[in-house]
PDB file of N, CA and C in Angstrom:
ATOM      1  N   MET A   1       0.946  -1.076   0.175  1.00  0.00           N
ATOM      2  CA  MET A   1      -0.236  -0.190  -0.032  1.00  0.00           C
ATOM      3  C   MET A   1       0.900   0.958   0.396  1.00  0.00           C
ATOM      4  N   PRO A   2       0.561   2.310  -0.801  1.00  0.00           N
ATOM      5  CA  PRO A   2       1.590   3.291  -0.755  1.00  0.00           C
ATOM      6  C   PRO A   2       1.287   4.183   0.287  1.00  0.00           C
ATOM      7  N   LEU A   3       2.332   5.159   0.703  1.00  0.00           N
ATOM      8  CA  LEU A   3       2.092   5.845   1.693  1.00  0.00           C
ATOM      9  C   LEU A   3       1.913   7.083   1.403  1.00  0.00           C
ATOM     10  N   GLU A   4       1.599   7.903   1.750  1.00  0.00           N
ATOM     11  CA  GLU A   4       1.231   9.362   2.005  1.00  0.00           C
ATOM     12  C   GLU A   4       2.408  10.180   1.179  1.00  0.00           C
ATOM     13  N   GLY A   5       2.235  10.849   0.070  1.00  0.00           N
ATOM     14  CA  GLY A   5       3.735  11.820  -0.786  1.00  0.00           C
ATOM     15  C   GLY A   5       3.809  10.618  -1.629  1.00  0.00           C
ATOM     16  N   HIS A   6       3.904   9.610  -1.643  1.00  0.00           N
ATOM     17  CA  HIS A   6       4.796   8.566  -2.565  1.00  0.00           C
ATOM     18  C   HIS A   6       4.525   9.168  -3.806  1.00  0.00           C
ATOM     19  N   TYR A   7       3.128   9.156  -4.430  1.00  0.00           N
ATOM     20  CA  TYR A   7       2.633   9.445  -6.389  1.00  0.00           C
ATOM     21  C   TYR A   7       3.133  10.460  -6.202  1.00  0.00           C
ATOM     22  N   GLU A   8       3.219  12.026  -5.349  1.00  0.00           N
ATOM     23  CA  GLU A   8       3.947  13.275  -5.914  1.00  0.00           C
ATOM     24  C   GLU A   8       5.044  13.212  -6.013  1.00  0.00           C
ATOM     25  N   ARG A   9       6.123  12.272  -5.401  1.00  0.00           N
ATOM     26  CA  ARG A   9       7.443  12.103  -5.471  1.00  0.00           C
ATOM     27  C   ARG A   9       7.876  11.178  -6.660  1.00  0.00           C
ATOM     28  N   GLN A  10       6.807  10.200  -6.785  1.00  0.00           N
ATOM     29  CA  GLN A  10       7.170   9.256  -8.265  1.00  0.00           C
ATOM     30  C   GLN A  10       6.552  10.132  -9.274  1.00  0.00           C
ATOM     31  N   THR A  11       5.721  11.056  -8.928  1.00  0.00           N
ATOM     32  CA  THR A  11       5.270  11.580 -10.436  1.00  0.00           C
ATOM     33  C   THR A  11       5.799  13.321 -10.609  1.00  0.00           C
ATOM     34  N   THR A  12       7.022  13.701  -9.749  1.00  0.00           N
ATOM     35  CA  THR A  12       7.534  14.562 -10.120  1.00  0.00           C
ATOM     36  C   THR A  12       8.847  14.498 -10.400  1.00  0.00           C
ATOM     37  N   PRO A  13       8.914  15.095 -12.018  1.00  0.00           N
ATOM     38  CA  PRO A  13      10.067  15.592 -12.636  1.00  0.00           C
ATOM     39  C   PRO A  13      11.491  15.447 -12.014  1.00  0.00           C
ATOM     40  N   LEU A  14      12.641  15.290 -12.168  1.00  0.00           N
ATOM     41  CA  LEU A  14      13.309  15.417 -11.412  1.00  0.00           C
ATOM     42  C   LEU A  14      14.245  16.813 -11.766  1.00  0.00           C
ATOM     43  N   TYR A  15      14.159  16.980 -13.160  1.00  0.00           N
ATOM     44  CA  TYR A  15      14.682  18.111 -13.816  1.00  0.00           C
ATOM     45  C   TYR A  15      13.754  18.550 -14.675  1.00  0.00           C
ATOM     46  N   LYS A  16      13.508  19.662 -14.725  1.00  0.00           N
ATOM     47  CA  LYS A  16      12.441  20.590 -15.532  1.00  0.00           C
ATOM     48  C   LYS A  16      13.566  21.527 -16.457  1.00  0.00           C
ATOM     49  N   LEU A  17      13.253  21.320 -18.141  1.00  0.00           N
ATOM     50  CA  LEU A  17      14.282  21.657 -19.135  1.00  0.00           C
ATOM     51  C   LEU A  17      14.152  23.271 -19.124  1.00  0.00           C
ATOM     52  N   SER A  18      14.919  24.277 -19.167  1.00  0.00           N
ATOM     53  CA  SER A  18      15.052  25.493 -19.357  1.00  0.00           C
ATOM     54  C   SER A  18      14.618  25.880 -20.603  1.00  0.00           C
ATOM     55  N   SER A  19      14.112  27.107 -20.643  1.00  0.00           N
ATOM     56  CA  SER A  19      13.773  27.597 -22.340  1.00  0.00           C
ATOM     57  C   SER A  19      14.774  27.354 -23.186  1.00  0.00           C
ATOM     58  N   ARG A  20      16.098  27.682 -22.631  1.00  0.00           N
ATOM     59  CA  ARG A  20      17.101  27.289 -23.388  1.00  0.00           C
ATOM     60  C   ARG A  20      17.194  26.120 -24.256  1.00  0.00           C
ATOM     61  N   GLU A  21      17.193  24.951 -23.306  1.00  0.00           N
ATOM     62  CA  GLU A  21      17.403  23.661 -23.825  1.00  0.00           C
ATOM     63  C   GLU A  21      15.932  23.403 -24.709  1.00  0.00           C
ATOM     64  N   ILE A  22      14.841  23.926 -24.571  1.00  0.00           N
ATOM     65  CA  ILE A  22      13.730  23.732 -25.009  1.00  0.00           C
ATOM     66  C   ILE A  22      13.835  24.095 -26.569  1.00  0.00           C
ATOM     67  N   LYS A  23      14.517  25.693 -26.927  1.00  0.00           N
ATOM     68  CA  LYS A  23      14.710  26.063 -27.728  1.00  0.00           C
ATOM     69  C   LYS A  23      15.759  25.314 -28.796  1.00  0.00           C
ATOM     70  N   VAL A  24      16.461  24.714 -27.961  1.00  0.00           N
ATOM     71  CA  VAL A  24      17.750  24.090 -28.806  1.00  0.00           C
ATOM     72  C   VAL A  24      17.031  22.535 -29.164  1.00  0.00           C
ATOM     73  N   ALA A  25      15.985  22.321 -28.681  1.00  0.00           N
ATOM     74  CA  ALA A  25      15.811  20.726 -28.964  1.00  0.00           C
ATOM     75  C   ALA A  25      14.261  20.983 -30.061  1.00  0.00           C
ATOM     76  N   VAL A  26      13.689  21.893 -30.208  1.00  0.00           N
ATOM     77  CA  VAL A  26      12.877  22.222 -30.920  1.00  0.00           C
ATOM     78  C   VAL A  26      13.413  22.770 -32.230  1.00  0.00           C
ATOM     79  N   SER A  27      14.842  23.297 -32.486  1.00  0.00           N
ATOM     80  CA  SER A  27      15.394  24.092 -33.563  1.00  0.00           C
ATOM     81  C   SER A  27      15.975  22.415 -34.424  1.00  0.00           C
ATOM     82  N   ILE A  28      16.434  21.353 -33.345  1.00  0.00           N
ATOM     83  CA  ILE A  28      16.841  20.543 -33.898  1.00  0.00           C
ATOM     84  C   ILE A  28      16.178  19.623 -34.655  1.00  0.00           C
ATOM     85  N   ILE A  29      15.260  19.497 -33.747  1.00  0.00           N
ATOM     86  CA  ILE A  29      13.639  18.846 -34.485  1.00  0.00           C
ATOM     87  C   ILE A  29      13.480  19.858 -36.011  1.00  0.00           C
ATOM     88  N   ALA A  30      13.312  21.020 -36.427  1.00  0.00           N
ATOM     89  CA  ALA A  30      13.042  21.977 -37.296  1.00  0.00           C
ATOM     90  C   ALA A  30      14.071  21.225 -38.328  1.00  0.00           C
ATOM     91  N   VAL A  31      15.076  21.450 -38.357  1.00  0.00           N
ATOM     92  CA  VAL A  31      16.361  21.282 -38.768  1.00  0.00           C
ATOM     93  C   VAL A  31      16.065  19.234 -39.893  1.00  0.00           C
ATOM     94  N   THR A  32      15.855  18.953 -38.598  1.00  0.00           N
ATOM     95  CA  THR A  32      15.895  17.408 -39.064  1.00  0.00           C
ATOM     96  C   THR A  32      14.416  17.516 -40.215  1.00  0.00           C
ATOM     97  N   LEU A  33      13.433  17.994 -39.692  1.00  0.00           N
ATOM     98  CA  LEU A  33      12.144  17.645 -40.447  1.00  0.00           C
ATOM     99  C   LEU A  33      12.466  18.137 -41.650  1.00  0.00           C
ATOM    100  N   VAL A  34      13.094  19.385 -42.135  1.00  0.00           N
ATOM    101  CA  VAL A  34      13.699  20.426 -42.963  1.00  0.00           C
ATOM    102  C   VAL A  34      14.449  19.505 -44.347  1.00  0.00           C
ATOM    103  N   THR A  35      15.578  18.797 -43.564  1.00  0.00           N
ATOM    104  CA  THR A  35      16.057  18.171 -44.247  1.00  0.00           C
ATOM    105  C   THR A  35      15.463  16.900 -44.706  1.00  0.00           C
ATOM    106  N   VAL A  36      14.969  15.843 -44.364  1.00  0.00           N
ATOM    107  CA  VAL A  36      13.917  15.116 -44.701  1.00  0.00           C
ATOM    108  C   VAL A  36      12.903  15.228 -45.541  1.00  0.00           C
ATOM    109  N   ILE A  37      12.405  16.375 -45.567  1.00  0.00           N
ATOM    110  CA  ILE A  37      11.392  16.887 -46.507  1.00  0.00           C
ATOM    111  C   ILE A  37      12.294  17.125 -47.762  1.00  0.00           C
ATOM    112  N   ALA A  38      13.573  17.900 -47.780  1.00  0.00           N
ATOM    113  CA  ALA A  38      14.027  18.213 -49.059  1.00  0.00           C
ATOM    114  C   ALA A  38      14.532  16.965 -49.326  1.00  0.00           C
ATOM    115  N   MET A  39      15.165  15.996 -48.866  1.00  0.00           N
ATOM    116  CA  MET A  39      15.540  14.431 -49.256  1.00  0.00           C
ATOM    117  C   MET A  39      14.588  14.122 -50.172  1.00  0.00           C
ATOM    118  N   VAL A  40      13.453  13.828 -49.469  1.00  0.00           N
ATOM    119  CA  VAL A  40      12.139  13.138 -49.999  1.00  0.00           C
ATOM    120  C   VAL A  40      11.632  14.306 -51.664  1.00  0.00           C
ATOM    121  N   ALA A  41      11.885  15.088 -51.344  1.00  0.00           N
ATOM    122  CA  ALA A  41      11.720  16.148 -52.558  1.00  0.00           C
ATOM    123  C   ALA A  41      12.643  16.038 -53.425  1.00  0.00           C
ATOM    124  N   VAL A  42      13.906  15.939 -53.267  1.00  0.00           N
ATOM    125  CA  VAL A  42      14.742  15.722 -54.264  1.00  0.00           C
ATOM    126  C   VAL A  42      14.595  14.454 -55.063  1.00  0.00           C
ATOM    127  N   THR A  43      14.640  13.229 -54.475  1.00  0.00           N
ATOM    128  CA  THR A  43      14.889  11.921 -54.636  1.00  0.00           C
ATOM    129  C   THR A  43      13.496  11.506 -55.543  1.00  0.00           C
ATOM    130  N   GLY A  44      12.443  12.062 -54.900  1.00  0.00           N
ATOM    131  CA  GLY A  44      11.656  11.822 -55.714  1.00  0.00           C
ATOM    132  C   GLY A  44      10.585  12.525 -57.179  1.00  0.00           C
ATOM    133  N   ALA A  45      12.025  13.432 -57.028  1.00  0.00           N
ATOM    134  CA  ALA A  45      11.722  14.303 -58.329  1.00  0.00           C
ATOM    135  C   ALA A  45      11.983  13.365 -59.686  1.00  0.00           C
ATOM    136  N   SER A  46      13.081  12.589 -59.344  1.00  0.00           N
ATOM    137  CA  SER A  46      13.495  12.207 -60.338  1.00  0.00           C
ATOM    138  C   SER A  46      13.075  10.439 -60.594  1.00  0.00           C
ATOM    139  N   ASN A  47      12.934   9.958 -61.619  1.00  0.00           N
ATOM    140  CA  ASN A  47      12.426   8.749 -62.302  1.00  0.00           C
ATOM    141  C   ASN A  47      13.734   7.957 -62.382  1.00  0.00           C
ATOM    142  N   SER A  48      13.807   6.723 -61.111  1.00  0.00           N
ATOM    143  CA  SER A  48      14.997   5.959 -61.260  1.00  0.00           C
ATOM    144  C   SER A  48      14.995   4.717 -62.532  1.00  0.00           C
ATOM    145  N   ASN A  49      13.717   4.706 -62.861  1.00  0.00           N
ATOM    146  CA  ASN A  49      13.185   3.542 -63.881  1.00  0.00           C
ATOM    147  C   ASN A  49      12.795   4.041 -64.740  1.00  0.00           C
ATOM    148  N   PRO A  50      13.136   4.051 -65.789  1.00  0.00           N
ATOM    149  CA  PRO A  50      12.848   5.158 -67.239  1.00  0.00           C
ATOM    150  C   PRO A  50      12.248   4.012 -67.742  1.00  0.00           C
ATOM    151  N   ALA A  51      11.063   4.386 -68.480  1.00  0.00           N
ATOM    152  CA  ALA A  51      10.501   3.354 -69.738  1.00  0.00           C
ATOM    153  C   ALA A  51      11.584   2.627 -70.530  1.00  0.00           C
ATOM    154  N   PRO A  52      11.454   1.541 -70.968  1.00  0.00           N
ATOM    155  CA  PRO A  52      12.504   0.749 -71.615  1.00  0.00           C
ATOM    156  C   PRO A  52      12.387   1.168 -73.414  1.00  0.00           C
ATOM    157  N   ALA A  53      13.548   1.458 -74.147  1.00  0.00           N
ATOM    158  CA  ALA A  53      13.443   1.845 -75.455  1.00  0.00           C
ATOM    159  C   ALA A  53      12.995   0.833 -76.251  1.00  0.00           C
ATOM    160  N   VAL A  54      12.669   1.117 -77.490  1.00  0.00           N
ATOM    161  CA  VAL A  54      11.480   0.901 -77.964  1.00  0.00           C
ATOM    162  C   VAL A  54      12.575  -0.791 -78.597  1.00  0.00           C
ATOM    163  N   GLY A  55      11.682  -2.150 -78.098  1.00  0.00           N
ATOM    164  CA  GLY A  55      12.138  -3.428 -78.470  1.00  0.00           C
ATOM    165  C   GLY A  55      12.568  -4.015 -77.748  1.00  0.00           C
ATOM    166  N   CYS A  56      12.700  -3.035 -76.637  1.00  0.00           N
ATOM    167  CA  CYS A  56      13.133  -3.641 -75.134  1.00  0.00           C
ATOM    168  C   CYS A  56      12.263  -4.041 -74.518  1.00  0.00           C
ATOM    169  N   ILE A  57      12.281  -5.178 -73.055  1.00  0.00           N
ATOM    170  CA  ILE A  57      11.617  -5.547 -71.881  1.00  0.00           C
ATOM    171  C   ILE A  57      12.655  -5.049 -70.752  1.00  0.00           C
ATOM    172  N   ASN A  58      11.552  -4.652 -69.381  1.00  0.00           N
ATOM    173  CA  ASN A  58      11.955  -4.782 -68.368  1.00  0.00           C
ATOM    174  C   ASN A  58      11.594  -5.185 -67.238  1.00  0.00           C
ATOM    175  N   PRO A  59      10.554  -5.976 -67.761  1.00  0.00           N
ATOM    176  CA  PRO A  59       9.592  -6.742 -66.115  1.00  0.00           C
ATOM    177  C   PRO A  59      10.419  -7.132 -65.345  1.00  0.00           C
ATOM    178  N   THR A  60       9.896  -6.860 -63.874  1.00  0.00           N
ATOM    179  CA  THR A  60       9.775  -7.479 -62.313  1.00  0.00           C
ATOM    180  C   THR A  60       9.359  -8.290 -62.110  1.00  0.00           C
ATOM    181  N   VAL A  61      10.272  -9.386 -61.845  1.00  0.00           N
ATOM    182  CA  VAL A  61       9.341 -10.838 -61.559  1.00  0.00           C
ATOM    183  C   VAL A  61       9.668 -11.165 -60.602  1.00  0.00           C
ATOM    184  N   ALA A  62       9.399 -12.153 -59.862  1.00  0.00           N
ATOM    185  CA  ALA A  62       9.610 -12.825 -58.623  1.00  0.00           C
ATOM    186  C   ALA A  62      10.966 -13.603 -59.008  1.00  0.00           C
ATOM    187  N   GLY A  63      11.784 -13.784 -58.058  1.00  0.00           N
ATOM    188  CA  GLY A  63      13.361 -14.409 -58.288  1.00  0.00           C
ATOM    189  C   GLY A  63      13.303 -15.546 -57.068  1.00  0.00           C
ATOM    190  N   ILE A  64      14.389 -16.029 -57.295  1.00  0.00           N
ATOM    191  CA  ILE A  64      14.771 -17.047 -56.123  1.00  0.00           C
ATOM    192  C   ILE A  64      14.895 -16.096 -54.786  1.00  0.00           C
ATOM    193  N   VAL A  65      15.593 -14.824 -54.547  1.00  0.00           N
ATOM    194  CA  VAL A  65      15.864 -14.045 -53.379  1.00  0.00           C
ATOM    195  C   VAL A  65      15.050 -13.261 -53.212  1.00  0.00           C
ATOM    196  N   GLY A  66      14.004 -12.669 -54.450  1.00  0.00           N
ATOM    197  CA  GLY A  66      13.454 -11.412 -54.170  1.00  0.00           C
ATOM    198  C   GLY A  66      13.104 -10.730 -55.660  1.00  0.00           C
ATOM    199  N   ALA A  67      12.641  -9.610 -55.773  1.00  0.00           N
ATOM    200  CA  ALA A  67      12.144  -8.963 -57.517  1.00  0.00           C
ATOM    201  C   ALA A  67      13.722  -8.911 -57.643  1.00  0.00           C
ATOM    202  N   GLU A  68      13.411  -9.551 -59.101  1.00  0.00           N
ATOM    203  CA  GLU A  68      14.103  -9.051 -60.275  1.00  0.00           C
ATOM    204  C   GLU A  68      13.854  -8.606 -61.314  1.00  0.00           C
ATOM    205  N   THR A  69      14.478  -7.758 -61.921  1.00  0.00           N
ATOM    206  CA  THR A  69      14.255  -7.357 -63.251  1.00  0.00           C
ATOM    207  C   THR A  69      14.853  -7.459 -64.365  1.00  0.00           C
ATOM    208  N   LEU A  70      14.274  -8.102 -65.329  1.00  0.00           N
ATOM    209  CA  LEU A  70      14.826  -8.824 -66.514  1.00  0.00           C
ATOM    210  C   LEU A  70      14.748  -7.669 -67.571  1.00  0.00           C
ATOM    211  N   GLY A  71      15.966  -7.524 -68.031  1.00  0.00           N
ATOM    212  CA  GLY A  71      16.737  -6.332 -69.133  1.00  0.00           C
ATOM    213  C   GLY A  71      16.625  -6.852 -70.252  1.00  0.00           C
ATOM    214  N   ALA A  72      15.993  -7.022 -71.496  1.00  0.00           N
ATOM    215  CA  ALA A  72      16.867  -7.523 -72.921  1.00  0.00           C
ATOM    216  C   ALA A  72      16.185  -6.477 -73.911  1.00  0.00           C
ATOM    217  N   CYS A  73      16.791  -6.708 -75.198  1.00  0.00           N
ATOM    218  CA  CYS A  73      16.440  -5.985 -76.310  1.00  0.00           C
ATOM    219  C   CYS A  73      17.070  -6.805 -77.265  1.00  0.00           C
ATOM    220  N   GLY A  74      16.011  -6.269 -78.326  1.00  0.00           N
ATOM    221  CA  GLY A  74      16.128  -7.169 -79.501  1.00  0.00           C
ATOM    222  C   GLY A  74      15.579  -8.612 -79.534  1.00  0.00           C
ATOM    223  N   GLN A  75      16.781  -9.668 -80.189  1.00  0.00           N
ATOM    224  CA  GLN A  75      16.519 -10.860 -80.261  1.00  0.00           C
ATOM    225  C   GLN A  75      16.296 -11.206 -79.145  1.00  0.00           C
ATOM    226  N   GLU A  76      17.140 -11.068 -78.082  1.00  0.00           N
ATOM    227  CA  GLU A  76      17.261 -11.531 -76.482  1.00  0.00           C
ATOM    228  C   GLU A  76      15.820 -11.228 -76.466  1.00  0.00           C
ATOM    229  N   ALA A  77      15.130 -10.085 -76.278  1.00  0.00           N
ATOM    230  CA  ALA A  77      13.936  -9.669 -75.845  1.00  0.00           C
ATOM    231  C   ALA A  77      12.899 -10.747 -76.146  1.00  0.00           C
ATOM    232  N   VAL A  78      12.532 -11.153 -77.498  1.00  0.00           N
ATOM    233  CA  VAL A  78      12.337 -12.115 -78.391  1.00  0.00           C
ATOM    234  C   VAL A  78      11.860 -13.413 -77.720  1.00  0.00           C
ATOM    235  N   ASP A  79      13.027 -13.983 -77.748  1.00  0.00           N
ATOM    236  CA  ASP A  79      13.688 -15.359 -76.928  1.00  0.00           C
ATOM    237  C   ASP A  79      12.842 -15.515 -75.628  1.00  0.00           C
ATOM    238  N   ILE A  80      13.340 -14.285 -74.705  1.00  0.00           N
ATOM    239  CA  ILE A  80      12.360 -14.006 -73.320  1.00  0.00           C
ATOM    240  C   ILE A  80      10.641 -14.402 -73.511  1.00  0.00           C
ATOM    241  N   CYS A  81      10.677 -13.795 -74.225  1.00  0.00           N
ATOM    242  CA  CYS A  81       8.811 -13.597 -74.455  1.00  0.00           C
ATOM    243  C   CYS A  81       8.668 -14.766 -75.244  1.00  0.00           C
ATOM    244  N   THR A  82       9.252 -15.603 -76.415  1.00  0.00           N
ATOM    245  CA  THR A  82       8.726 -16.665 -76.731  1.00  0.00           C
ATOM    246  C   THR A  82       8.862 -17.603 -75.499  1.00  0.00           C
ATOM    247  N   HIS A  83       9.457 -17.768 -74.577  1.00  0.00           N
ATOM    248  CA  HIS A  83      10.055 -18.711 -74.112  1.00  0.00           C
ATOM    249  C   HIS A  83       8.998 -18.861 -72.986  1.00  0.00           C
ATOM    250  N   ALA A  84       8.424 -17.752 -71.985  1.00  0.00           N
ATOM    251  CA  ALA A  84       7.580 -17.552 -71.553  1.00  0.00           C
ATOM    252  C   ALA A  84       5.869 -17.373 -71.736  1.00  0.00           C
ATOM    253  N   SER A  85       5.977 -17.560 -73.002  1.00  0.00           N
ATOM    254  CA  SER A  85       4.488 -17.492 -73.621  1.00  0.00           C
ATOM    255  C   SER A  85       4.369 -19.089 -73.474  1.00  0.00           C
ATOM    256  N   GLU A  86       5.229 -20.049 -73.245  1.00  0.00           N
ATOM    257  CA  GLU A  86       5.065 -21.782 -73.330  1.00  0.00           C
ATOM    258  C   GLU A  86       5.148 -21.999 -72.443  1.00  0.00           C
ATOM    259  N   TYR A  87       5.166 -20.795 -70.572  1.00  0.00           N
ATOM    260  CA  TYR A  87       4.336 -21.721 -70.002  1.00  0.00           C
ATOM    261  C   TYR A  87       3.226 -20.594 -69.210  1.00  0.00           C
ATOM    262  N   SER A  88       2.837 -21.164 -68.174  1.00  0.00           N
ATOM    263  CA  SER A  88       1.252 -20.531 -67.312  1.00  0.00           C
ATOM    264  C   SER A  88       2.354 -20.043 -65.976  1.00  0.00           C
ATOM    265  N   GLY A  89       1.560 -19.504 -65.385  1.00  0.00           N
ATOM    266  CA  GLY A  89       2.020 -18.597 -64.251  1.00  0.00           C
ATOM    267  C   GLY A  89       1.816 -17.192 -63.986  1.00  0.00           C
ATOM    268  N   GLU A  90       2.357 -16.662 -62.586  1.00  0.00           N
ATOM    269  CA  GLU A  90       2.132 -14.964 -62.624  1.00  0.00           C
ATOM    270  C   GLU A  90       3.654 -14.653 -63.196  1.00  0.00           C
ATOM    271  N   ARG A  91       5.408 -15.369 -63.085  1.00  0.00           N
ATOM    272  CA  ARG A  91       6.060 -15.159 -64.084  1.00  0.00           C
ATOM    273  C   ARG A  91       5.845 -15.066 -65.143  1.00  0.00           C
ATOM    274  N   ALA A  92       5.484 -15.947 -65.353  1.00  0.00           N
ATOM    275  CA  ALA A  92       5.579 -16.045 -67.198  1.00  0.00           C
ATOM    276  C   ALA A  92       4.421 -14.949 -67.677  1.00  0.00           C
ATOM    277  N   GLU A  93       3.142 -14.866 -67.057  1.00  0.00           N
ATOM    278  CA  GLU A  93       1.972 -13.729 -67.476  1.00  0.00           C
ATOM    279  C   GLU A  93       2.892 -12.628 -67.039  1.00  0.00           C
ATOM    280  N   THR A  94       3.039 -12.444 -66.336  1.00  0.00           N
ATOM    281  CA  THR A  94       3.970 -10.792 -66.224  1.00  0.00           C
ATOM    282  C   THR A  94       5.295 -10.524 -67.412  1.00  0.00           C
ATOM    283  N   ILE A  95       5.623 -11.634 -67.545  1.00  0.00           N
ATOM    284  CA  ILE A  95       6.845 -11.137 -68.793  1.00  0.00           C
ATOM    285  C   ILE A  95       6.036 -11.091 -70.017  1.00  0.00           C
ATOM    286  N   VAL A  96       5.446 -12.004 -70.227  1.00  0.00           N
ATOM    287  CA  VAL A  96       4.311 -12.167 -71.598  1.00  0.00           C
ATOM    288  C   VAL A  96       3.514 -10.440 -71.755  1.00  0.00           C
ATOM    289  N   ALA A  97       3.150  -9.945 -70.457  1.00  0.00           N
ATOM    290  CA  ALA A  97       2.439  -8.850 -70.471  1.00  0.00           C
ATOM    291  C   ALA A  97       3.539  -7.736 -70.953  1.00  0.00           C
ATOM    292  N   ASN A  98       4.306  -7.792 -70.682  1.00  0.00           N
ATOM    293  CA  ASN A  98       5.397  -6.710 -70.497  1.00  0.00           C
ATOM    294  C   ASN A  98       5.980  -6.737 -72.207  1.00  0.00           C
ATOM    295  N   CYS A  99       5.897  -7.707 -72.334  1.00  0.00           N
ATOM    296  CA  CYS A  99       6.424  -7.808 -74.062  1.00  0.00           C
ATOM    297  C   CYS A  99       5.348  -7.287 -74.826  1.00  0.00           C
ATOM    298  N   GLU A 100       4.260  -7.707 -74.859  1.00  0.00           N
ATOM    299  CA  GLU A 100       2.895  -6.847 -75.158  1.00  0.00           C
ATOM    300  C   GLU A 100       2.890  -5.906 -75.393  1.00  0.00           C
ATOM    301  N   LYS A 101       3.264  -5.257 -74.181  1.00  0.00           N
ATOM    302  CA  LYS A 101       3.554  -3.763 -73.676  1.00  0.00           C
ATOM    303  C   LYS A 101       3.979  -3.010 -74.847  1.00  0.00           C
ATOM    304  N   GLN A 102       5.231  -3.510 -74.844  1.00  0.00           N
ATOM    305  CA  GLN A 102       6.218  -3.077 -75.665  1.00  0.00           C
ATOM    306  C   GLN A 102       6.752  -3.360 -77.093  1.00  0.00           C
ATOM    307  N   ALA A 103       5.398  -4.031 -77.071  1.00  0.00           N
ATOM    308  CA  ALA A 103       5.111  -4.598 -78.485  1.00  0.00           C
ATOM    309  C   ALA A 103       6.558  -5.273 -79.268  1.00  0.00           C
ATOM    310  N   VAL A 104       6.797  -6.550 -78.250  1.00  0.00           N
ATOM    311  CA  VAL A 104       8.058  -7.029 -78.659  1.00  0.00           C
ATOM    312  C   VAL A 104       7.163  -8.296 -79.982  1.00  0.00           C
ATOM    313  N   LYS A 105       7.718  -8.701 -81.004  1.00  0.00           N
ATOM    314  CA  LYS A 105       6.869  -9.038 -81.589  1.00  0.00           C
ATOM    315  C   LYS A 105       7.866 -10.787 -81.147  1.00  0.00           C
ATOM    316  N   PHE A 106       6.817 -11.897 -80.867  1.00  0.00           N
ATOM    317  CA  PHE A 106       7.242 -13.081 -80.755  1.00  0.00           C
ATOM    318  C   PHE A 106       6.147 -13.991 -81.051  1.00  0.00           C
TER     319      PHE A 106
END
């Protein structure tokens, strides 16, 4: 059973921040937020995965360890599309859909 005055002693802060310490903490948080917003704006503005050239494919499919992007152009793209069209499943369907989208004839 708690004794008289224990609650106040347990809930009273040991140290109260000064106004200078509060201003420093607020300024550090503000600088951090501005930096994060600037980094997001700069990296979000560019497209790191541009569309492939005509006759090229770049489908992102499930691989052994995770997602992998298959990049191929010309005859290699035709071979990949032809091989994928012989199979069923999500991986093959993704490749074939990308081949059709990029107008690769197979």
